[in-house]
PDB file of N, CA and C in Angstrom:
ATOM      1  N   UNK A   1      10.661   4.273  16.015  1.00  0.00           N
ATOM      2  CA  UNK A   1      11.067   4.519  14.635  1.00  0.00           C
ATOM      3  C   UNK A   1      10.846   3.266  13.812  1.00  0.00           C
ATOM      4  N   UNK A   2      10.285   3.461  12.637  1.00  0.00           N
ATOM      5  CA  UNK A   2       9.995   2.336  11.748  1.00  0.00           C
ATOM      6  C   UNK A   2      10.571   2.636  10.371  1.00  0.00           C
ATOM      7  N   UNK A   3      11.237   1.670   9.794  1.00  0.00           N
ATOM      8  CA  UNK A   3      11.717   1.778   8.422  1.00  0.00           C
ATOM      9  C   UNK A   3      10.831   0.901   7.533  1.00  0.00           C
ATOM     10  N   UNK A   4      10.445   1.476   6.403  1.00  0.00           N
ATOM     11  CA  UNK A   4       9.541   0.793   5.486  1.00  0.00           C
ATOM     12  C   UNK A   4      10.192   0.712   4.107  1.00  0.00           C
ATOM     13  N   UNK A   5      10.171  -0.468   3.503  1.00  0.00           N
ATOM     14  CA  UNK A   5      10.751  -0.652   2.174  1.00  0.00           C
ATOM     15  C   UNK A   5       9.752  -1.392   1.303  1.00  0.00           C
ATOM     16  N   UNK A   6       9.254  -0.697   0.289  1.00  0.00           N
ATOM     17  CA  UNK A   6       8.307  -1.304  -0.644  1.00  0.00           C
ATOM     18  C   UNK A   6       9.030  -2.052  -1.758  1.00  0.00           C
ATOM     19  N   UNK A   7       8.343  -3.050  -2.292  1.00  0.00           N
ATOM     20  CA  UNK A   7       8.849  -3.777  -3.455  1.00  0.00           C
ATOM     21  C   UNK A   7       7.668  -4.376  -4.203  1.00  0.00           C
ATOM     22  N   UNK A   8       7.950  -4.861  -5.409  1.00  0.00           N
ATOM     23  CA  UNK A   8       6.906  -5.532  -6.176  1.00  0.00           C
ATOM     24  C   UNK A   8       6.290  -4.709  -7.283  1.00  0.00           C
ATOM     25  N   UNK A   9       6.676  -3.460  -7.393  1.00  0.00           N
ATOM     26  CA  UNK A   9       6.151  -2.642  -8.474  1.00  0.00           C
ATOM     27  C   UNK A   9       6.753  -3.034  -9.810  1.00  0.00           C
ATOM     28  N   UNK A  10       6.216  -2.447 -10.862  1.00  0.00           N
ATOM     29  CA  UNK A  10       6.734  -2.739 -12.193  1.00  0.00           C
ATOM     30  C   UNK A  10       5.722  -2.395 -13.257  1.00  0.00           C
ATOM     31  N   UNK A  11       5.967  -2.941 -14.441  1.00  0.00           N
ATOM     32  CA  UNK A  11       5.096  -2.703 -15.588  1.00  0.00           C
ATOM     33  C   UNK A  11       4.130  -3.874 -15.734  1.00  0.00           C
ATOM     34  N   UNK A  12       2.863  -3.556 -15.881  1.00  0.00           N
ATOM     35  CA  UNK A  12       1.846  -4.591 -16.044  1.00  0.00           C
ATOM     36  C   UNK A  12       0.835  -4.107 -17.077  1.00  0.00           C
ATOM     37  N   UNK A  13       0.270  -5.027 -17.814  1.00  0.00           N
ATOM     38  CA  UNK A  13      -0.726  -4.664 -18.814  1.00  0.00           C
ATOM     39  C   UNK A  13      -2.072  -4.387 -18.151  1.00  0.00           C
ATOM     40  N   UNK A  14      -2.888  -3.578 -18.783  1.00  0.00           N
ATOM     41  CA  UNK A  14      -4.239  -3.361 -18.253  1.00  0.00           C
ATOM     42  C   UNK A  14      -4.960  -4.687 -18.031  1.00  0.00           C
ATOM     43  N   UNK A  15      -5.615  -4.794 -16.892  1.00  0.00           N
ATOM     44  CA  UNK A  15      -6.276  -6.033 -16.526  1.00  0.00           C
ATOM     45  C   UNK A  15      -5.387  -7.009 -15.780  1.00  0.00           C
ATOM     46  N   UNK A  16      -4.122  -6.688 -15.687  1.00  0.00           N
ATOM     47  CA  UNK A  16      -3.183  -7.572 -15.010  1.00  0.00           C
ATOM     48  C   UNK A  16      -3.165  -7.379 -13.504  1.00  0.00           C
ATOM     49  N   UNK A  17      -2.260  -8.122 -12.870  1.00  0.00           N
ATOM     50  CA  UNK A  17      -2.165  -8.107 -11.410  1.00  0.00           C
ATOM     51  C   UNK A  17      -0.734  -7.867 -10.961  1.00  0.00           C
ATOM     52  N   UNK A  18      -0.623  -7.293  -9.783  1.00  0.00           N
ATOM     53  CA  UNK A  18       0.662  -7.127  -9.112  1.00  0.00           C
ATOM     54  C   UNK A  18       0.451  -7.296  -7.617  1.00  0.00           C
ATOM     55  N   UNK A  19       1.491  -7.745  -6.956  1.00  0.00           N
ATOM     56  CA  UNK A  19       1.460  -7.837  -5.503  1.00  0.00           C
ATOM     57  C   UNK A  19       2.605  -7.009  -4.939  1.00  0.00           C
ATOM     58  N   UNK A  20       2.254  -5.984  -4.201  1.00  0.00           N
ATOM     59  CA  UNK A  20       3.256  -5.154  -3.552  1.00  0.00           C
ATOM     60  C   UNK A  20       3.528  -5.666  -2.144  1.00  0.00           C
ATOM     61  N   UNK A  21       4.773  -5.496  -1.727  1.00  0.00           N
ATOM     62  CA  UNK A  21       5.160  -5.860  -0.370  1.00  0.00           C
ATOM     63  C   UNK A  21       5.792  -4.657   0.309  1.00  0.00           C
ATOM     64  N   UNK A  22       5.676  -4.615   1.616  1.00  0.00           N
ATOM     65  CA  UNK A  22       6.298  -3.558   2.410  1.00  0.00           C
ATOM     66  C   UNK A  22       6.951  -4.215   3.611  1.00  0.00           C
ATOM     67  N   UNK A  23       8.269  -4.300   3.567  1.00  0.00           N
ATOM     68  CA  UNK A  23       9.014  -4.889   4.671  1.00  0.00           C
ATOM     69  C   UNK A  23       9.319  -3.806   5.690  1.00  0.00           C
ATOM     70  N   UNK A  24       9.116  -4.123   6.944  1.00  0.00           N
ATOM     71  CA  UNK A  24       9.338  -3.130   7.998  1.00  0.00           C
ATOM     72  C   UNK A  24      10.426  -3.599   8.954  1.00  0.00           C
ATOM     73  N   UNK A  25      11.050  -2.644   9.606  1.00  0.00           N
ATOM     74  CA  UNK A  25      12.063  -2.949  10.604  1.00  0.00           C
ATOM     75  C   UNK A  25      12.177  -1.768  11.557  1.00  0.00           C
ATOM     76  N   UNK A  26      12.785  -2.029  12.680  1.00  0.00           N
ATOM     77  CA  UNK A  26      13.072  -0.945  13.605  1.00  0.00           C
ATOM     78  C   UNK A  26      12.109  -0.816  14.764  1.00  0.00           C
ATOM     79  N   UNK A  27      10.970  -1.451  14.668  1.00  0.00           N
ATOM     80  CA  UNK A  27      10.012  -1.378  15.756  1.00  0.00           C
ATOM     81  C   UNK A  27       9.062  -2.555  15.659  1.00  0.00           C
ATOM     82  N   UNK A  28       8.155  -2.648  16.583  1.00  0.00           N
ATOM     83  CA  UNK A  28       7.219  -3.776  16.600  1.00  0.00           C
ATOM     84  C   UNK A  28       6.121  -3.551  15.576  1.00  0.00           C
ATOM     85  N   UNK A  29       6.181  -4.321  14.505  1.00  0.00           N
ATOM     86  CA  UNK A  29       5.242  -4.166  13.397  1.00  0.00           C
ATOM     87  C   UNK A  29       3.804  -4.274  13.854  1.00  0.00           C
ATOM     88  N   UNK A  30       3.544  -5.177  14.758  1.00  0.00           N
ATOM     89  CA  UNK A  30       2.172  -5.482  15.123  1.00  0.00           C
ATOM     90  C   UNK A  30       1.424  -4.379  15.846  1.00  0.00           C
ATOM     91  N   UNK A  31       2.098  -3.340  16.289  1.00  0.00           N
ATOM     92  CA  UNK A  31       1.417  -2.285  17.034  1.00  0.00           C
ATOM     93  C   UNK A  31       0.950  -1.148  16.135  1.00  0.00           C
ATOM     94  N   UNK A  32       1.278  -1.223  14.859  1.00  0.00           N
ATOM     95  CA  UNK A  32       0.976  -0.100  13.969  1.00  0.00           C
ATOM     96  C   UNK A  32      -0.201  -0.396  13.047  1.00  0.00           C
ATOM     97  N   UNK A  33      -1.009   0.628  12.862  1.00  0.00           N
ATOM     98  CA  UNK A  33      -1.953   0.614  11.761  1.00  0.00           C
ATOM     99  C   UNK A  33      -1.150   0.852  10.485  1.00  0.00           C
ATOM    100  N   UNK A  34      -1.604   0.265   9.378  1.00  0.00           N
ATOM    101  CA  UNK A  34      -0.840   0.334   8.138  1.00  0.00           C
ATOM    102  C   UNK A  34      -1.744   0.727   6.978  1.00  0.00           C
ATOM    103  N   UNK A  35      -1.101   1.203   5.934  1.00  0.00           N
ATOM    104  CA  UNK A  35      -1.889   1.543   4.756  1.00  0.00           C
ATOM    105  C   UNK A  35      -1.036   1.695   3.520  1.00  0.00           C
ATOM    106  N   UNK A  36      -1.720   1.789   2.410  1.00  0.00           N
ATOM    107  CA  UNK A  36      -1.099   2.074   1.117  1.00  0.00           C
ATOM    108  C   UNK A  36      -1.745   3.341   0.542  1.00  0.00           C
ATOM    109  N   UNK A  37      -0.877   4.205   0.042  1.00  0.00           N
ATOM    110  CA  UNK A  37      -1.311   5.391  -0.686  1.00  0.00           C
ATOM    111  C   UNK A  37      -0.643   5.366  -2.055  1.00  0.00           C
ATOM    112  N   UNK A  38      -1.158   6.148  -2.961  1.00  0.00           N
ATOM    113  CA  UNK A  38      -0.524   6.273  -4.261  1.00  0.00           C
ATOM    114  C   UNK A  38      -0.584   7.720  -4.723  1.00  0.00           C
ATOM    115  N   UNK A  39       0.366   8.049  -5.577  1.00  0.00           N
ATOM    116  CA  UNK A  39       0.385   9.394  -6.144  1.00  0.00           C
ATOM    117  C   UNK A  39       0.858   9.316  -7.585  1.00  0.00           C
ATOM    118  N   UNK A  40      -0.002   9.732  -8.477  1.00  0.00           N
ATOM    119  CA  UNK A  40       0.349   9.810  -9.882  1.00  0.00           C
ATOM    120  C   UNK A  40       0.975  11.169 -10.172  1.00  0.00           C
ATOM    121  N   UNK A  41       1.746  11.216 -11.213  1.00  0.00           N
ATOM    122  CA  UNK A  41       2.414  12.460 -11.594  1.00  0.00           C
ATOM    123  C   UNK A  41       1.388  13.567 -11.831  1.00  0.00           C
ATOM    124  N   UNK A  42       1.569  14.685 -11.150  1.00  0.00           N
ATOM    125  CA  UNK A  42       0.681  15.817 -11.323  1.00  0.00           C
ATOM    126  C   UNK A  42      -0.645  15.720 -10.610  1.00  0.00           C
ATOM    127  N   UNK A  43      -0.813  14.672  -9.807  1.00  0.00           N
ATOM    128  CA  UNK A  43      -2.084  14.482  -9.105  1.00  0.00           C
ATOM    129  C   UNK A  43      -1.861  14.431  -7.603  1.00  0.00           C
ATOM    130  N   UNK A  44      -2.958  14.575  -6.882  1.00  0.00           N
ATOM    131  CA  UNK A  44      -2.869  14.503  -5.431  1.00  0.00           C
ATOM    132  C   UNK A  44      -2.712  13.059  -4.969  1.00  0.00           C
ATOM    133  N   UNK A  45      -2.087  12.924  -3.835  1.00  0.00           N
ATOM    134  CA  UNK A  45      -1.958  11.618  -3.203  1.00  0.00           C
ATOM    135  C   UNK A  45      -3.343  11.107  -2.822  1.00  0.00           C
ATOM    136  N   UNK A  46      -3.555   9.820  -2.973  1.00  0.00           N
ATOM    137  CA  UNK A  46      -4.851   9.246  -2.605  1.00  0.00           C
ATOM    138  C   UNK A  46      -4.683   7.940  -1.854  1.00  0.00           C
ATOM    139  N   UNK A  47      -5.638   7.708  -0.983  1.00  0.00           N
ATOM    140  CA  UNK A  47      -5.651   6.489  -0.194  1.00  0.00           C
ATOM    141  C   UNK A  47      -6.033   5.299  -1.067  1.00  0.00           C
ATOM    142  N   UNK A  48      -5.336   4.189  -0.848  1.00  0.00           N
ATOM    143  CA  UNK A  48      -5.636   2.957  -1.583  1.00  0.00           C
ATOM    144  C   UNK A  48      -6.257   1.911  -0.668  1.00  0.00           C
ATOM    145  N   UNK A  49      -5.708   1.749   0.533  1.00  0.00           N
ATOM    146  CA  UNK A  49      -6.223   0.744   1.454  1.00  0.00           C
ATOM    147  C   UNK A  49      -5.612   0.959   2.826  1.00  0.00           C
ATOM    148  N   UNK A  50      -6.336   0.554   3.861  1.00  0.00           N
ATOM    149  CA  UNK A  50      -5.807   0.582   5.212  1.00  0.00           C
ATOM    150  C   UNK A  50      -6.144  -0.713   5.933  1.00  0.00           C
ATOM    151  N   UNK A  51      -5.350  -1.000   6.958  1.00  0.00           N
ATOM    152  CA  UNK A  51      -5.600  -2.181   7.779  1.00  0.00           C
ATOM    153  C   UNK A  51      -5.223  -1.849   9.212  1.00  0.00           C
ATOM    154  N   UNK A  52      -6.102  -2.194  10.138  1.00  0.00           N
ATOM    155  CA  UNK A  52      -5.849  -1.913  11.537  1.00  0.00           C
ATOM    156  C   UNK A  52      -4.939  -2.979  12.152  1.00  0.00           C
ATOM    157  N   UNK A  53      -4.584  -2.750  13.383  1.00  0.00           N
ATOM    158  CA  UNK A  53      -3.768  -3.720  14.110  1.00  0.00           C
ATOM    159  C   UNK A  53      -4.472  -5.071  14.177  1.00  0.00           C
ATOM    160  N   UNK A  54      -5.785  -5.029  14.290  1.00  0.00           N
ATOM    161  CA  UNK A  54      -6.560  -6.269  14.405  1.00  0.00           C
ATOM    162  C   UNK A  54      -6.958  -6.857  13.062  1.00  0.00           C
ATOM    163  N   UNK A  55      -6.549  -6.173  11.974  1.00  0.00           N
ATOM    164  CA  UNK A  55      -6.812  -6.732  10.657  1.00  0.00           C
ATOM    165  C   UNK A  55      -8.043  -6.231   9.951  1.00  0.00           C
ATOM    166  N   UNK A  56      -8.689  -5.217  10.496  1.00  0.00           N
ATOM    167  CA  UNK A  56      -9.856  -4.663   9.821  1.00  0.00           C
ATOM    168  C   UNK A  56      -9.384  -3.830   8.631  1.00  0.00           C
ATOM    169  N   UNK A  57      -9.975  -4.064   7.488  1.00  0.00           N
ATOM    170  CA  UNK A  57      -9.533  -3.392   6.269  1.00  0.00           C
ATOM    171  C   UNK A  57     -10.556  -2.374   5.778  1.00  0.00           C
ATOM    172  N   UNK A  58     -10.072  -1.445   4.973  1.00  0.00           N
ATOM    173  CA  UNK A  58     -10.949  -0.426   4.402  1.00  0.00           C
ATOM    174  C   UNK A  58     -10.380   0.013   3.061  1.00  0.00           C
ATOM    175  N   UNK A  59     -11.285   0.231   2.100  1.00  0.00           N
ATOM    176  CA  UNK A  59     -10.869   0.612   0.752  1.00  0.00           C
ATOM    177  C   UNK A  59     -11.786   1.704   0.206  1.00  0.00           C
ATOM    178  N   UNK A  60     -11.262   2.578  -0.621  1.00  0.00           N
ATOM    179  CA  UNK A  60     -12.152   3.490  -1.333  1.00  0.00           C
ATOM    180  C   UNK A  60     -12.911   2.700  -2.403  1.00  0.00           C
ATOM    181  N   UNK A  61     -14.024   3.228  -2.841  1.00  0.00           N
ATOM    182  CA  UNK A  61     -14.850   2.527  -3.826  1.00  0.00           C
ATOM    183  C   UNK A  61     -14.085   2.225  -5.114  1.00  0.00           C
ATOM    184  N   UNK A  62     -13.120   3.065  -5.434  1.00  0.00           N
ATOM    185  CA  UNK A  62     -12.400   2.915  -6.705  1.00  0.00           C
ATOM    186  C   UNK A  62     -11.604   1.623  -6.796  1.00  0.00           C
ATOM    187  N   UNK A  63     -11.215   1.042  -5.669  1.00  0.00           N
ATOM    188  CA  UNK A  63     -10.404  -0.181  -5.706  1.00  0.00           C
ATOM    189  C   UNK A  63     -11.079  -1.356  -5.011  1.00  0.00           C
ATOM    190  N   UNK A  64     -12.191  -1.087  -4.347  1.00  0.00           N
ATOM    191  CA  UNK A  64     -12.882  -2.147  -3.606  1.00  0.00           C
ATOM    192  C   UNK A  64     -13.212  -3.301  -4.541  1.00  0.00           C
ATOM    193  N   UNK A  65     -13.007  -4.493  -4.097  1.00  0.00           N
ATOM    194  CA  UNK A  65     -13.234  -5.770  -4.800  1.00  0.00           C
ATOM    195  C   UNK A  65     -12.103  -6.124  -5.760  1.00  0.00           C
ATOM    196  N   UNK A  66     -11.180  -5.189  -6.003  1.00  0.00           N
ATOM    197  CA  UNK A  66     -10.036  -5.492  -6.866  1.00  0.00           C
ATOM    198  C   UNK A  66      -8.720  -5.553  -6.091  1.00  0.00           C
ATOM    199  N   UNK A  67      -8.608  -4.761  -5.041  1.00  0.00           N
ATOM    200  CA  UNK A  67      -7.385  -4.712  -4.243  1.00  0.00           C
ATOM    201  C   UNK A  67      -7.634  -5.373  -2.898  1.00  0.00           C
ATOM    202  N   UNK A  68      -6.581  -6.005  -2.377  1.00  0.00           N
ATOM    203  CA  UNK A  68      -6.661  -6.618  -1.057  1.00  0.00           C
ATOM    204  C   UNK A  68      -5.410  -6.275  -0.267  1.00  0.00           C
ATOM    205  N   UNK A  69      -5.603  -5.671   0.885  1.00  0.00           N
ATOM    206  CA  UNK A  69      -4.488  -5.383   1.790  1.00  0.00           C
ATOM    207  C   UNK A  69      -4.443  -6.463   2.853  1.00  0.00           C
ATOM    208  N   UNK A  70      -3.235  -6.850   3.218  1.00  0.00           N
ATOM    209  CA  UNK A  70      -3.082  -7.858   4.264  1.00  0.00           C
ATOM    210  C   UNK A  70      -1.769  -7.614   4.984  1.00  0.00           C
ATOM    211  N   UNK A  71      -1.648  -8.222   6.143  1.00  0.00           N
ATOM    212  CA  UNK A  71      -0.420  -8.058   6.917  1.00  0.00           C
ATOM    213  C   UNK A  71      -0.031  -9.402   7.527  1.00  0.00           C
ATOM    214  N   UNK A  72       1.262  -9.616   7.608  1.00  0.00           N
ATOM    215  CA  UNK A  72       1.805 -10.807   8.259  1.00  0.00           C
ATOM    216  C   UNK A  72       2.680 -10.308   9.393  1.00  0.00           C
ATOM    217  N   UNK A  73       2.133 -10.303  10.587  1.00  0.00           N
ATOM    218  CA  UNK A  73       2.867  -9.751  11.726  1.00  0.00           C
ATOM    219  C   UNK A  73       4.104 -10.580  12.061  1.00  0.00           C
ATOM    220  N   UNK A  74       4.083 -11.858  11.764  1.00  0.00           N
ATOM    221  CA  UNK A  74       5.238 -12.711  12.041  1.00  0.00           C
ATOM    222  C   UNK A  74       6.407 -12.361  11.125  1.00  0.00           C
ATOM    223  N   UNK A  75       6.090 -11.883   9.917  1.00  0.00           N
ATOM    224  CA  UNK A  75       7.122 -11.529   8.953  1.00  0.00           C
ATOM    225  C   UNK A  75       7.359 -10.027   8.878  1.00  0.00           C
ATOM    226  N   UNK A  76       6.629  -9.270   9.696  1.00  0.00           N
ATOM    227  CA  UNK A  76       6.766  -7.804   9.692  1.00  0.00           C
ATOM    228  C   UNK A  76       6.566  -7.222   8.297  1.00  0.00           C
ATOM    229  N   UNK A  77       5.573  -7.720   7.611  1.00  0.00           N
ATOM    230  CA  UNK A  77       5.383  -7.335   6.220  1.00  0.00           C
ATOM    231  C   UNK A  77       3.921  -7.026   5.923  1.00  0.00           C
ATOM    232  N   UNK A  78       3.745  -5.997   5.129  1.00  0.00           N
ATOM    233  CA  UNK A  78       2.441  -5.580   4.642  1.00  0.00           C
ATOM    234  C   UNK A  78       2.366  -5.892   3.156  1.00  0.00           C
ATOM    235  N   UNK A  79       1.172  -6.267   2.691  1.00  0.00           N
ATOM    236  CA  UNK A  79       0.996  -6.612   1.286  1.00  0.00           C
ATOM    237  C   UNK A  79      -0.171  -5.835   0.671  1.00  0.00           C
ATOM    238  N   UNK A  80      -0.108  -5.722  -0.647  1.00  0.00           N
ATOM    239  CA  UNK A  80      -1.239  -5.189  -1.401  1.00  0.00           C
ATOM    240  C   UNK A  80      -1.361  -5.993  -2.688  1.00  0.00           C
ATOM    241  N   UNK A  81      -2.396  -6.788  -2.769  1.00  0.00           N
ATOM    242  CA  UNK A  81      -2.685  -7.532  -3.984  1.00  0.00           C
ATOM    243  C   UNK A  81      -3.594  -6.685  -4.856  1.00  0.00           C
ATOM    244  N   UNK A  82      -3.160  -6.422  -6.070  1.00  0.00           N
ATOM    245  CA  UNK A  82      -3.912  -5.563  -6.990  1.00  0.00           C
ATOM    246  C   UNK A  82      -4.280  -6.353  -8.230  1.00  0.00           C
ATOM    247  N   UNK A  83      -5.558  -6.463  -8.483  1.00  0.00           N
ATOM    248  CA  UNK A  83      -6.073  -7.183  -9.646  1.00  0.00           C
ATOM    249  C   UNK A  83      -6.820  -6.232 -10.580  1.00  0.00           C
ATOM    250  N   UNK A  84      -6.962  -6.656 -11.807  1.00  0.00           N
ATOM    251  CA  UNK A  84      -7.704  -5.872 -12.802  1.00  0.00           C
ATOM    252  C   UNK A  84      -7.232  -4.425 -12.853  1.00  0.00           C
ATOM    253  N   UNK A  85      -5.948  -4.260 -12.951  1.00  0.00           N
ATOM    254  CA  UNK A  85      -5.366  -2.918 -12.916  1.00  0.00           C
ATOM    255  C   UNK A  85      -5.742  -2.112 -14.151  1.00  0.00           C
ATOM    256  N   UNK A  86      -5.862  -0.805 -13.941  1.00  0.00           N
ATOM    257  CA  UNK A  86      -6.253   0.126 -15.003  1.00  0.00           C
ATOM    258  C   UNK A  86      -5.116   1.095 -15.285  1.00  0.00           C
ATOM    259  N   UNK A  87      -5.025   1.596 -16.500  1.00  0.00           N
ATOM    260  CA  UNK A  87      -3.946   2.547 -16.814  1.00  0.00           C
ATOM    261  C   UNK A  87      -3.921   3.770 -15.894  1.00  0.00           C
ATOM    262  N   UNK A  88      -5.077   4.219 -15.487  1.00  0.00           N
ATOM    263  CA  UNK A  88      -5.126   5.402 -14.617  1.00  0.00           C
ATOM    264  C   UNK A  88      -4.624   5.133 -13.205  1.00  0.00           C
ATOM    265  N   UNK A  89      -4.311   3.870 -12.929  1.00  0.00           N
ATOM    266  CA  UNK A  89      -3.750   3.530 -11.616  1.00  0.00           C
ATOM    267  C   UNK A  89      -2.220   3.528 -11.639  1.00  0.00           C
ATOM    268  N   UNK A  90      -1.659   3.966 -12.729  1.00  0.00           N
ATOM    269  CA  UNK A  90      -0.214   4.183 -12.783  1.00  0.00           C
ATOM    270  C   UNK A  90       0.165   5.259 -11.782  1.00  0.00           C
ATOM    271  N   UNK A  91       1.085   4.915 -10.880  1.00  0.00           N
ATOM    272  CA  UNK A  91       1.450   5.837  -9.803  1.00  0.00           C
ATOM    273  C   UNK A  91       2.604   5.251  -9.009  1.00  0.00           C
ATOM    274  N   UNK A  92       3.134   6.069  -8.124  1.00  0.00           N
ATOM    275  CA  UNK A  92       4.046   5.567  -7.109  1.00  0.00           C
ATOM    276  C   UNK A  92       3.197   5.164  -5.908  1.00  0.00           C
ATOM    277  N   UNK A  93       3.398   3.945  -5.461  1.00  0.00           N
ATOM    278  CA  UNK A  93       2.638   3.418  -4.337  1.00  0.00           C
ATOM    279  C   UNK A  93       3.511   3.430  -3.082  1.00  0.00           C
ATOM    280  N   UNK A  94       2.939   3.974  -2.008  1.00  0.00           N
ATOM    281  CA  UNK A  94       3.670   4.137  -0.758  1.00  0.00           C
ATOM    282  C   UNK A  94       3.040   3.316   0.364  1.00  0.00           C
ATOM    283  N   UNK A  95       3.882   2.757   1.170  1.00  0.00           N
ATOM    284  CA  UNK A  95       3.487   2.062   2.379  1.00  0.00           C
ATOM    285  C   UNK A  95       3.584   3.049   3.546  1.00  0.00           C
ATOM    286  N   UNK A  96       2.612   2.997   4.443  1.00  0.00           N
ATOM    287  CA  UNK A  96       2.567   3.931   5.560  1.00  0.00           C
ATOM    288  C   UNK A  96       2.259   3.183   6.857  1.00  0.00           C
ATOM    289  N   UNK A  97       2.891   3.610   7.934  1.00  0.00           N
ATOM    290  CA  UNK A  97       2.634   3.029   9.253  1.00  0.00           C
ATOM    291  C   UNK A  97       2.374   4.154  10.238  1.00  0.00           C
ATOM    292  N   UNK A  98       1.375   3.948  11.103  1.00  0.00           N
ATOM    293  CA  UNK A  98       1.053   4.967  12.069  1.00  0.00           C
ATOM    294  C   UNK A  98       0.393   4.393  13.308  1.00  0.00           C
ATOM    295  N   UNK A  99       0.185   5.268  14.275  1.00  0.00           N
ATOM    296  CA  UNK A  99      -0.407   4.820  15.532  1.00  0.00           C
ATOM    297  C   UNK A  99      -1.882   4.457  15.380  1.00  0.00           C
ATOM    298  N   UNK A 100      -2.556   5.112  14.464  1.00  0.00           N
ATOM    299  CA  UNK A 100      -3.956   4.810  14.239  1.00  0.00           C
ATOM    300  C   UNK A 100      -4.329   5.218  12.816  1.00  0.00           C
ATOM    301  N   UNK A 101      -5.410   4.643  12.317  1.00  0.00           N
ATOM    302  CA  UNK A 101      -5.822   4.894  10.945  1.00  0.00           C
ATOM    303  C   UNK A 101      -6.074   6.384  10.698  1.00  0.00           C
ATOM    304  N   UNK A 102      -6.702   7.049  11.652  1.00  0.00           N
ATOM    305  CA  UNK A 102      -7.089   8.451  11.455  1.00  0.00           C
ATOM    306  C   UNK A 102      -5.893   9.373  11.259  1.00  0.00           C
ATOM    307  N   UNK A 103      -4.751   8.993  11.807  1.00  0.00           N
ATOM    308  CA  UNK A 103      -3.561   9.850  11.702  1.00  0.00           C
ATOM    309  C   UNK A 103      -2.448   9.175  10.915  1.00  0.00           C
ATOM    310  N   UNK A 104      -2.815   8.278  10.047  1.00  0.00           N
ATOM    311  CA  UNK A 104      -1.831   7.464   9.329  1.00  0.00           C
ATOM    312  C   UNK A 104      -0.842   8.311   8.535  1.00  0.00           C
ATOM    313  N   UNK A 105      -1.323   9.359   7.892  1.00  0.00           N
ATOM    314  CA  UNK A 105      -0.439  10.144   7.031  1.00  0.00           C
ATOM    315  C   UNK A 105       0.629  10.913   7.800  1.00  0.00           C
ATOM    316  N   UNK A 106       0.479  11.014   9.084  1.00  0.00           N
ATOM    317  CA  UNK A 106       1.491  11.707   9.892  1.00  0.00           C
ATOM    318  C   UNK A 106       2.539  10.740  10.431  1.00  0.00           C
ATOM    319  N   UNK A 107       2.430   9.470  10.028  1.00  0.00           N
ATOM    320  CA  UNK A 107       3.340   8.456  10.543  1.00  0.00           C
ATOM    321  C   UNK A 107       4.567   8.275   9.671  1.00  0.00           C
ATOM    322  N   UNK A 108       4.940   7.024   9.494  1.00  0.00           N
ATOM    323  CA  UNK A 108       6.163   6.683   8.760  1.00  0.00           C
ATOM    324  C   UNK A 108       5.828   6.281   7.329  1.00  0.00           C
ATOM    325  N   UNK A 109       6.649   6.751   6.400  1.00  0.00           N
ATOM    326  CA  UNK A 109       6.445   6.478   4.982  1.00  0.00           C
ATOM    327  C   UNK A 109       7.627   5.740   4.387  1.00  0.00           C
ATOM    328  N   UNK A 110       7.336   4.864   3.454  1.00  0.00           N
ATOM    329  CA  UNK A 110       8.395   4.251   2.664  1.00  0.00           C
ATOM    330  C   UNK A 110       8.777   5.144   1.510  1.00  0.00           C
ATOM    331  N   UNK A 111       9.733   4.692   0.709  1.00  0.00           N
ATOM    332  CA  UNK A 111      10.220   5.471  -0.420  1.00  0.00           C
ATOM    333  C   UNK A 111       9.326   5.345  -1.643  1.00  0.00           C
ATOM    334  N   UNK A 112       8.491   4.341  -1.650  1.00  0.00           N
ATOM    335  CA  UNK A 112       7.567   4.158  -2.763  1.00  0.00           C
ATOM    336  C   UNK A 112       8.084   3.192  -3.805  1.00  0.00           C
ATOM    337  N   UNK A 113       7.141   2.592  -4.526  1.00  0.00           N
ATOM    338  CA  UNK A 113       7.470   1.703  -5.634  1.00  0.00           C
ATOM    339  C   UNK A 113       6.577   2.066  -6.820  1.00  0.00           C
ATOM    340  N   UNK A 114       7.185   2.144  -7.988  1.00  0.00           N
ATOM    341  CA  UNK A 114       6.458   2.589  -9.176  1.00  0.00           C
ATOM    342  C   UNK A 114       5.631   1.445  -9.755  1.00  0.00           C
ATOM    343  N   UNK A 115       4.377   1.735 -10.024  1.00  0.00           N
ATOM    344  CA  UNK A 115       3.496   0.806 -10.724  1.00  0.00           C
ATOM    345  C   UNK A 115       3.061   1.485 -12.017  1.00  0.00           C
ATOM    346  N   UNK A 116       3.324   0.823 -13.139  1.00  0.00           N
ATOM    347  CA  UNK A 116       2.948   1.359 -14.439  1.00  0.00           C
ATOM    348  C   UNK A 116       2.022   0.370 -15.127  1.00  0.00           C
ATOM    349  N   UNK A 117       0.830   0.836 -15.453  1.00  0.00           N
ATOM    350  CA  UNK A 117      -0.161  -0.011 -16.111  1.00  0.00           C
ATOM    351  C   UNK A 117      -0.293   0.471 -17.551  1.00  0.00           C
ATOM    352  N   UNK A 118       0.234  -0.318 -18.455  1.00  0.00           N
ATOM    353  CA  UNK A 118       0.269   0.112 -19.851  1.00  0.00           C
ATOM    354  C   UNK A 118       0.419  -1.088 -20.767  1.00  0.00           C
ATOM    355  N   UNK A 119      -0.136  -0.970 -21.951  1.00  0.00           N
ATOM    356  CA  UNK A 119       0.029  -2.019 -22.952  1.00  0.00           C
ATOM    357  C   UNK A 119       1.203  -1.701 -23.860  1.00  0.00           C
TER     358      UNK A 119
END
């Protein structure tokens, strides 16, 4: 069992940056594949970034070169650095942990943190 708590969301202007954190507890952080998803109001959930146990990362084209996912196994924490944010990226961002990347959505989810990109 893994508990996930996101933080770092808030209001940011277009073109700005935010760093999200996901603190984990309850199990060995280092054995899980991790990821970030987001869901805007009225839209489907979408993948933002994933990272394997060994640190291999993957991003959809929409965020590649602007977002960076990272993990600190010593601190049991996952991060998402988001740069050059766009208004359409306003959403609730969720941290996810699972046994493998392919089945990540069937794993453990945090409660989410709201990111609002607006002037």
